[in-house]
């Protein structure tokens, strides 16, 4: 699983060349330039004094250092742009994460409303809500969830409440009786 930083990075930063490698290249160029200077000095400028040679060395070193500073500064600016892009992407991901957390927290709060202990009447089975009003179980659950109720009568209640109306051997399934009576 990738971390948030790795996902935010994406392809913004391809494996950059390390700064020490750039400085190593500059040092190698400088060393080669100084070597070439020493060779040409002895071949073409044998009359150069020691101080004149130092001046040339200082000027050459300054030019190479200035060029190197330009490239290093350019590389640092490019890295800073990449980092700013990463920061913006990270902030966008954090905002998305906060929104997702808020959404999940809302869903969790909604689910948790139906947990816990409910004050219920022992006789009529109504539930007292937070405002102190008594509601039927069906009303309370429909208000606090996405559940919807339909009513029917179980076989025990049919025989208990409608037993004297039932003929012997007749089915106690009131739903089946209603269906056959309608046909």
Protein backbone atom coordinates (compact mmCIF):
# COMPACT_ATOMS: atom_id res chain seq x y z
CA UNK A 1 0.00 0.00 0.00
CA UNK A 2 1.41 3.37 -0.99
CA UNK A 3 1.66 6.16 1.56
CA UNK A 4 -0.13 9.48 1.05
CA UNK A 5 3.19 11.11 0.16
CA UNK A 6 3.96 8.47 -2.48
CA UNK A 7 0.49 8.85 -4.01
CA UNK A 8 0.79 12.64 -3.93
CA UNK A 9 4.19 12.49 -5.56
CA UNK A 10 2.91 10.46 -8.47
CA UNK A 11 5.09 11.30 -11.47
CA UNK A 12 5.90 14.84 -10.40
CA UNK A 13 9.39 13.91 -9.27
CA UNK A 14 11.16 11.50 -11.52
CA UNK A 15 14.35 10.20 -9.98
CA UNK A 16 16.26 13.50 -9.86
CA UNK A 17 19.99 13.63 -10.29
CA UNK A 18 21.47 14.22 -6.82
CA UNK A 19 23.07 17.60 -6.16
CA UNK A 20 26.42 16.04 -5.25
CA UNK A 21 26.56 14.47 -8.72
CA UNK A 22 26.08 17.90 -10.32
CA UNK A 23 28.77 19.38 -8.12
CA UNK A 24 31.05 16.44 -8.95
CA UNK A 25 30.58 17.13 -12.64
CA UNK A 26 31.40 20.80 -12.08
CA UNK A 27 34.53 19.83 -10.11
CA UNK A 28 35.60 17.43 -12.87
CA UNK A 29 35.13 20.14 -15.51
CA UNK A 30 37.07 22.57 -13.35
CA UNK A 31 39.91 20.06 -12.83
CA UNK A 32 40.04 19.31 -16.57
CA UNK A 33 40.04 23.03 -17.34
CA UNK A 34 42.87 23.68 -14.90
CA UNK A 35 44.85 20.77 -16.33
CA UNK A 36 44.32 22.07 -19.87
CA UNK A 37 45.34 25.55 -18.71
CA UNK A 38 48.57 24.24 -17.17
CA UNK A 39 49.41 22.35 -20.37
CA UNK A 40 48.78 25.30 -22.66
CA UNK A 41 50.53 27.70 -20.31
CA UNK A 42 53.77 25.77 -20.50
CA UNK A 43 53.51 25.28 -24.26
CA UNK A 44 52.19 28.66 -25.42
CA UNK A 45 52.90 31.06 -22.57
CA UNK A 46 56.24 30.12 -21.05
CA UNK A 47 56.96 33.77 -20.11
CA UNK A 48 53.98 33.98 -17.69
CA UNK A 49 55.02 34.91 -14.17
CA UNK A 50 53.81 33.05 -11.12
CA UNK A 51 51.46 35.90 -10.15
CA UNK A 52 50.00 36.17 -13.63
CA UNK A 53 49.37 32.43 -13.54
CA UNK A 54 47.56 32.82 -10.21
CA UNK A 55 45.41 35.60 -11.66
CA UNK A 56 44.37 33.38 -14.55
CA UNK A 57 43.65 30.54 -12.13
CA UNK A 58 41.52 32.83 -9.94
CA UNK A 59 39.59 34.19 -12.94
CA UNK A 60 39.03 30.68 -14.34
CA UNK A 61 37.90 29.39 -10.92
CA UNK A 62 35.53 32.33 -10.50
CA UNK A 63 33.97 31.78 -13.93
CA UNK A 64 33.52 28.05 -13.28
CA UNK A 65 32.10 28.70 -9.79
CA UNK A 66 29.65 31.26 -11.21
CA UNK A 67 28.48 28.85 -13.89
CA UNK A 68 28.17 26.09 -11.30
CA UNK A 69 26.18 28.41 -8.99
CA UNK A 70 23.82 29.19 -11.86
CA UNK A 71 23.13 25.51 -12.54
CA UNK A 72 22.80 24.69 -8.85
CA UNK A 73 20.39 27.59 -8.34
CA UNK A 74 18.40 26.45 -11.38
CA UNK A 75 18.23 22.92 -9.98
CA UNK A 76 17.14 24.20 -6.54
CA UNK A 77 14.41 26.35 -8.11
CA UNK A 78 13.14 23.34 -10.07
CA UNK A 79 13.08 21.25 -6.88
CA UNK A 80 11.24 24.04 -5.08
CA UNK A 81 8.60 24.13 -7.83
CA UNK A 82 8.21 20.36 -7.55
CA UNK A 83 7.90 20.63 -3.78
CA UNK A 84 5.25 23.35 -4.08
CA UNK A 85 3.31 21.06 -6.42
CA UNK A 86 3.65 18.25 -3.88
CA UNK A 87 2.44 20.50 -1.08
CA UNK A 88 -0.60 21.57 -3.12
CA UNK A 89 -1.38 17.95 -3.98
CA UNK A 90 -0.92 16.91 -0.35
CA UNK A 91 -3.27 19.69 0.81
CA UNK A 92 -5.87 18.57 -1.75
CA UNK A 93 -5.56 14.96 -0.56
CA UNK A 94 -5.84 16.07 3.07
CA UNK A 95 -8.99 18.06 2.25
CA UNK A 96 -10.42 15.03 0.45
CA UNK A 97 -9.51 12.88 3.44
CA UNK A 98 -11.20 15.34 5.85
CA UNK A 99 -14.36 15.31 3.69
CA UNK A 100 -14.35 11.50 3.63
CA UNK A 101 -13.84 11.37 7.41
CA UNK A 102 -16.73 13.82 7.92
CA UNK A 103 -18.95 11.75 5.63
CA UNK A 104 -18.06 8.53 7.44
CA UNK A 105 -18.52 10.19 10.83
CA UNK A 106 -22.00 11.33 9.75
CA UNK A 107 -22.85 7.82 8.64
CA UNK A 108 -21.51 6.42 11.91
CA UNK A 109 -23.54 8.94 13.92
CA UNK A 110 -26.63 7.97 11.95
CA UNK A 111 -26.02 4.28 12.60
CA UNK A 112 -25.31 4.84 16.29
CA UNK A 113 -28.70 6.45 16.84
CA UNK A 114 -30.29 2.99 16.88
CA UNK A 115 -27.81 1.57 19.38
CA UNK A 116 -28.04 1.65 23.11
CA UNK A 117 -30.89 1.29 25.54
CA UNK A 118 -34.35 2.61 24.62
CA UNK A 119 -37.05 3.40 27.19
CA UNK A 120 -40.00 1.27 26.07
CA UNK A 121 -43.46 0.93 27.62
CA UNK A 122 -44.08 -2.54 29.05
CA UNK A 123 -47.69 -2.56 27.90
CA UNK A 124 -48.11 -0.75 24.60
CA UNK A 125 -44.44 -1.09 23.50
CA UNK A 126 -44.08 2.62 22.62
CA UNK A 127 -40.58 4.13 22.79
CA UNK A 128 -39.82 7.48 24.49
CA UNK A 129 -37.66 9.68 22.24
CA UNK A 130 -35.08 12.28 23.30
CA UNK A 131 -37.78 14.98 23.50
CA UNK A 132 -39.87 12.92 25.91
CA UNK A 133 -42.59 11.97 23.43
CA UNK A 134 -43.87 8.40 23.17
CA UNK A 135 -43.85 6.89 19.66
CA UNK A 136 -44.73 3.47 18.34
CA UNK A 137 -41.77 1.21 17.67
CA UNK A 138 -42.42 1.43 13.96
CA UNK A 139 -42.53 5.24 13.95
CA UNK A 140 -39.38 5.54 16.05
CA UNK A 141 -37.34 3.15 13.88
CA UNK A 142 -38.61 4.71 10.63
CA UNK A 143 -37.59 8.18 11.91
CA UNK A 144 -34.12 7.03 12.99
CA UNK A 145 -33.22 4.70 10.12
CA UNK A 146 -34.08 3.91 6.54
CA UNK A 147 -36.25 0.94 7.54
CA UNK A 148 -39.89 0.77 6.37
CA UNK A 149 -42.50 -1.45 8.00
CA UNK A 150 -45.43 -3.39 6.63
CA UNK A 151 -47.84 -5.16 8.95
CA UNK A 152 -49.02 -8.71 9.06
CA UNK A 153 -50.26 -11.10 11.77
CA UNK A 154 -48.24 -14.10 12.88
CA UNK A 155 -49.98 -17.52 13.26
CA UNK A 156 -49.87 -17.39 17.09
CA UNK A 157 -51.65 -14.02 17.17
CA UNK A 158 -54.21 -15.18 14.57
CA UNK A 159 -55.23 -18.11 16.74
CA UNK A 160 -55.10 -15.99 19.92
CA UNK A 161 -57.12 -13.05 18.58
CA UNK A 162 -59.17 -14.60 15.77
CA UNK A 163 -59.35 -18.22 16.94
CA UNK A 164 -63.11 -18.20 17.46
CA UNK A 165 -63.66 -16.95 13.88
CA UNK A 166 -61.48 -19.67 12.35
CA UNK A 167 -63.05 -22.90 11.23
CA UNK A 168 -61.40 -26.17 12.23
CA UNK A 169 -58.43 -27.12 10.03
CA UNK A 170 -58.38 -23.73 8.34
CA UNK A 171 -54.99 -22.18 7.79
CA UNK A 172 -53.90 -19.65 10.39
CA UNK A 173 -51.92 -17.74 7.78
CA UNK A 174 -54.07 -14.62 7.45
CA UNK A 175 -52.13 -13.46 4.43
CA UNK A 176 -53.02 -16.64 2.55
CA UNK A 177 -56.69 -16.20 3.53
CA UNK A 178 -56.76 -12.62 2.28
CA UNK A 179 -55.20 -13.67 -1.04
CA UNK A 180 -57.70 -16.48 -1.60
CA UNK A 181 -60.64 -14.27 -0.57
CA UNK A 182 -59.63 -11.60 -3.05
CA UNK A 183 -59.52 -14.09 -5.92
